[in-house]
Amino acid sequence: MSIEIIIHLHNEDPVLAEIESLPDPKDQTIVITNPRRRDGRSLHYVTEGATSFIFPWTRITFIEVMELEEAKEVVEFFRSE
């Protein structure tokens, strides 16, 4: 199951991506898949056909971990007559 994150890189726009698991504190890099801009458009510096990307921690300011789909509570209102 992938976890959706937003990576904030130094001097770049934030990148929306997925990771398989949260990184360990002793990791030197982070491996992501499906990188895109927050509006869903593709990144201009990503080569078409590439599937995984490795970013070193030295390029990352911070990472936002988005809420998992299963954890979101759906409230639906309906009316029965």
Protein backbone atom coordinates (compact mmCIF):
# COMPACT_ATOMS: atom_id res chain seq x y z
CA MET A 1 0.00 0.00 0.00
CA SER A 2 1.45 3.33 -0.98
CA ILE A 3 1.48 6.46 1.17
CA GLU A 4 0.84 9.82 -0.49
CA ILE A 5 3.33 12.55 0.43
CA ILE A 6 4.27 16.08 -0.54
CA ILE A 7 8.03 16.64 -0.77
CA HIS A 8 9.31 20.18 -0.34
CA LEU A 9 12.63 20.47 -2.17
CA HIS A 10 15.12 23.31 -1.80
CA ASN A 11 14.35 26.09 -4.31
CA GLU A 12 11.68 24.01 -6.12
CA ASP A 13 7.91 23.74 -6.12
CA PRO A 14 6.48 20.98 -3.89
CA VAL A 15 6.17 17.52 -5.44
CA LEU A 16 3.26 15.16 -4.82
CA ALA A 17 4.33 11.49 -4.88
CA GLU A 18 3.87 8.05 -3.32
CA ILE A 19 6.18 5.96 -1.15
CA GLU A 20 5.80 2.35 -0.03
CA SER A 21 6.71 3.00 3.62
CA LEU A 22 7.85 5.87 5.78
CA PRO A 23 11.63 6.36 5.69
CA ASP A 24 13.81 5.16 8.52
CA PRO A 25 15.72 7.90 10.40
CA LYS A 26 19.06 6.40 9.32
CA ASP A 27 18.19 6.43 5.59
CA GLN A 28 20.27 8.70 3.33
CA THR A 29 17.75 8.82 0.49
CA ILE A 30 14.03 8.48 -0.16
CA VAL A 31 12.56 6.46 -3.05
CA ILE A 32 9.33 7.80 -4.56
CA THR A 33 7.00 6.84 -7.40
CA ASN A 34 4.54 8.79 -9.55
CA PRO A 35 5.93 12.29 -8.93
CA ARG A 36 3.77 15.18 -10.11
CA ARG A 37 2.93 18.76 -9.28
CA ARG A 38 0.28 19.39 -6.65
CA ASP A 39 -2.22 20.24 -9.38
CA GLY A 40 -1.62 16.81 -10.99
CA ARG A 41 0.43 17.98 -13.99
CA SER A 42 3.71 16.25 -14.81
CA LEU A 43 7.10 17.62 -13.78
CA HIS A 44 9.11 19.20 -16.59
CA TYR A 45 12.38 17.59 -15.46
CA VAL A 46 11.11 13.99 -15.32
CA THR A 47 11.95 11.78 -18.30
CA GLU A 48 8.97 9.97 -19.80
CA GLY A 49 9.00 6.29 -18.91
CA ALA A 50 10.85 6.67 -15.61
CA THR A 51 9.07 4.84 -12.79
CA SER A 52 11.03 5.38 -9.55
CA PHE A 53 13.03 8.32 -8.29
CA ILE A 54 15.65 8.63 -5.55
CA PHE A 55 16.11 11.93 -3.73
CA PRO A 56 18.93 12.53 -1.23
CA TRP A 57 17.91 14.07 2.11
CA THR A 58 20.23 17.01 1.43
CA ARG A 59 17.77 18.23 -1.27
CA ILE A 60 14.66 17.92 0.93
CA THR A 61 13.43 20.65 3.29
CA PHE A 62 10.57 18.61 4.74
CA ILE A 63 7.93 16.02 3.83
CA GLU A 64 4.18 16.16 4.45
CA VAL A 65 2.48 12.80 4.94
CA MET A 66 -1.10 12.89 3.66
CA GLU A 67 -3.98 11.14 5.39
CA LEU A 68 -4.54 7.55 4.30
CA GLU A 69 -7.71 6.85 2.31
CA GLU A 70 -8.85 4.23 4.85
CA ALA A 71 -8.52 6.73 7.70
CA LYS A 72 -10.78 9.32 6.08
CA GLU A 73 -14.24 9.31 7.56
CA VAL A 74 -16.97 9.67 5.00
CA VAL A 75 -20.15 11.29 6.21
CA GLU A 76 -23.09 10.98 3.87
CA PHE A 77 -26.45 12.54 4.39
CA PHE A 78 -29.44 10.95 2.80
CA ARG A 79 -33.15 11.18 3.11
CA SER A 80 -35.47 8.21 3.14
CA GLU A 81 -39.09 8.79 2.29
